[in-house]
Amino acid sequence: MTNNQYHSGDQVYVIQRNPHTQSVAHIQGANIVENPYHPGELSLFFMDEYYPLTDEFAIYSSYGEAEDEYREIFASSDENQAGISPLHEAFDL
């Protein structure tokens, strides 16, 4: 999805890496919202923060799309063959 395809209220998914352990990542739900600090601009809202819509975020329109990309990037072939899901939601502890 390109930035001009987003609309306020869209639910999206972000692959977020742990800044302290780069080998750890998870899929996080987020929302596209009006930026309260810059009227007329959209922003990404997740983890209780507003972020500009930039290419620095891996943003997906569906969980399945994010999951496929996550598996492509992070899952080893051994994990895929064993049927182990490498995905961990931030709120599923």
Protein backbone atom coordinates (compact mmCIF):
# COMPACT_ATOMS: atom_id res chain seq x y z
CA MET A 1 0.00 0.00 0.00
CA THR A 2 1.32 3.43 -0.85
CA ASN A 3 0.76 6.42 1.42
CA ASN A 4 -1.93 7.91 -0.84
CA GLN A 5 -4.05 4.75 -0.47
CA TYR A 6 -4.52 5.23 3.27
CA HIS A 7 -7.62 6.77 4.80
CA SER A 8 -8.28 7.87 8.35
CA GLY A 9 -9.69 4.92 10.27
CA ASP A 10 -7.88 2.21 8.29
CA GLN A 11 -6.64 -0.74 10.35
CA VAL A 12 -3.14 -1.80 9.28
CA TYR A 13 -0.42 -4.09 10.59
CA VAL A 14 3.22 -3.27 11.24
CA ILE A 15 6.19 -5.57 11.63
CA GLN A 16 8.07 -4.08 14.54
CA ARG A 17 11.56 -5.04 15.60
CA ASN A 18 12.77 -4.88 19.17
CA PRO A 19 15.30 -2.02 19.22
CA HIS A 20 17.44 -3.85 21.77
CA THR A 21 17.37 -7.29 20.15
CA GLN A 22 17.19 -7.03 16.36
CA SER A 23 16.46 -10.75 15.96
CA VAL A 24 13.12 -10.30 17.79
CA ALA A 25 10.11 -8.92 15.93
CA HIS A 26 6.33 -9.16 16.07
CA ILE A 27 3.26 -8.08 14.15
CA GLN A 28 1.44 -5.18 15.76
CA GLY A 29 -1.98 -3.80 14.83
CA ALA A 30 -2.06 -0.06 14.13
CA ASN A 31 -4.43 2.60 12.83
CA ILE A 32 -4.21 5.33 10.24
CA VAL A 33 -5.46 8.55 11.87
CA GLU A 34 -5.50 12.30 11.37
CA ASN A 35 -2.30 13.72 12.81
CA PRO A 36 -3.33 15.94 15.76
CA TYR A 37 -0.08 17.93 15.50
CA HIS A 38 -0.27 18.53 11.73
CA PRO A 39 -3.87 19.07 10.57
CA GLY A 40 -4.59 17.63 7.14
CA GLU A 41 -1.88 14.96 7.42
CA LEU A 42 -2.37 11.29 8.18
CA SER A 43 -0.18 9.41 10.61
CA LEU A 44 0.35 5.90 11.88
CA PHE A 45 -0.89 5.41 15.44
CA PHE A 46 0.44 2.47 17.43
CA MET A 47 2.10 1.88 20.78
CA ASP A 48 0.30 5.07 21.98
CA GLU A 49 2.36 7.26 19.63
CA TYR A 50 1.82 9.06 16.31
CA TYR A 51 4.32 8.31 13.54
CA PRO A 52 4.65 9.85 10.09
CA LEU A 53 3.76 7.59 7.17
CA THR A 54 7.21 6.81 5.78
CA ASP A 55 8.97 3.92 4.07
CA GLU A 56 10.72 3.20 7.37
CA PHE A 57 7.70 1.19 8.51
CA ALA A 58 6.71 -2.19 7.12
CA ILE A 59 2.96 -1.49 6.84
CA TYR A 60 0.48 -4.09 5.57
CA SER A 61 -3.24 -3.89 4.91
CA SER A 62 -3.98 -7.35 6.36
CA TYR A 63 -2.60 -9.57 9.08
CA GLY A 64 -2.15 -12.38 6.55
CA GLU A 65 -0.05 -10.16 4.31
CA ALA A 66 2.13 -9.14 7.27
CA GLU A 67 2.41 -12.77 8.40
CA ASP A 68 3.55 -13.90 4.94
CA GLU A 69 6.23 -11.22 4.85
CA TYR A 70 7.28 -12.00 8.42
CA ARG A 71 7.72 -15.67 7.56
CA GLU A 72 9.69 -14.74 4.44
CA ILE A 73 12.07 -12.53 6.41
CA PHE A 74 12.36 -14.12 9.86
CA ALA A 75 11.40 -17.80 9.75
CA SER A 76 14.08 -20.39 9.17
CA SER A 77 13.28 -23.37 6.99
CA ASP A 78 13.48 -25.64 10.08
CA GLU A 79 10.71 -23.68 11.83
CA ASN A 80 8.49 -23.79 8.75
CA GLN A 81 8.97 -27.53 8.32
CA ALA A 82 8.21 -28.22 11.98
CA GLY A 83 4.98 -26.20 11.76
CA ILE A 84 6.11 -23.79 14.48
CA SER A 85 4.75 -20.28 14.12
CA PRO A 86 7.42 -17.62 14.67
CA LEU A 87 4.76 -14.98 15.21
CA HIS A 88 4.21 -13.46 18.61
CA GLU A 89 1.63 -10.76 19.19
CA ALA A 90 2.70 -8.07 21.62
CA PHE A 91 -0.39 -8.74 23.73
CA ASP A 92 -0.24 -12.58 23.60
CA LEU A 93 2.05 -13.40 26.49
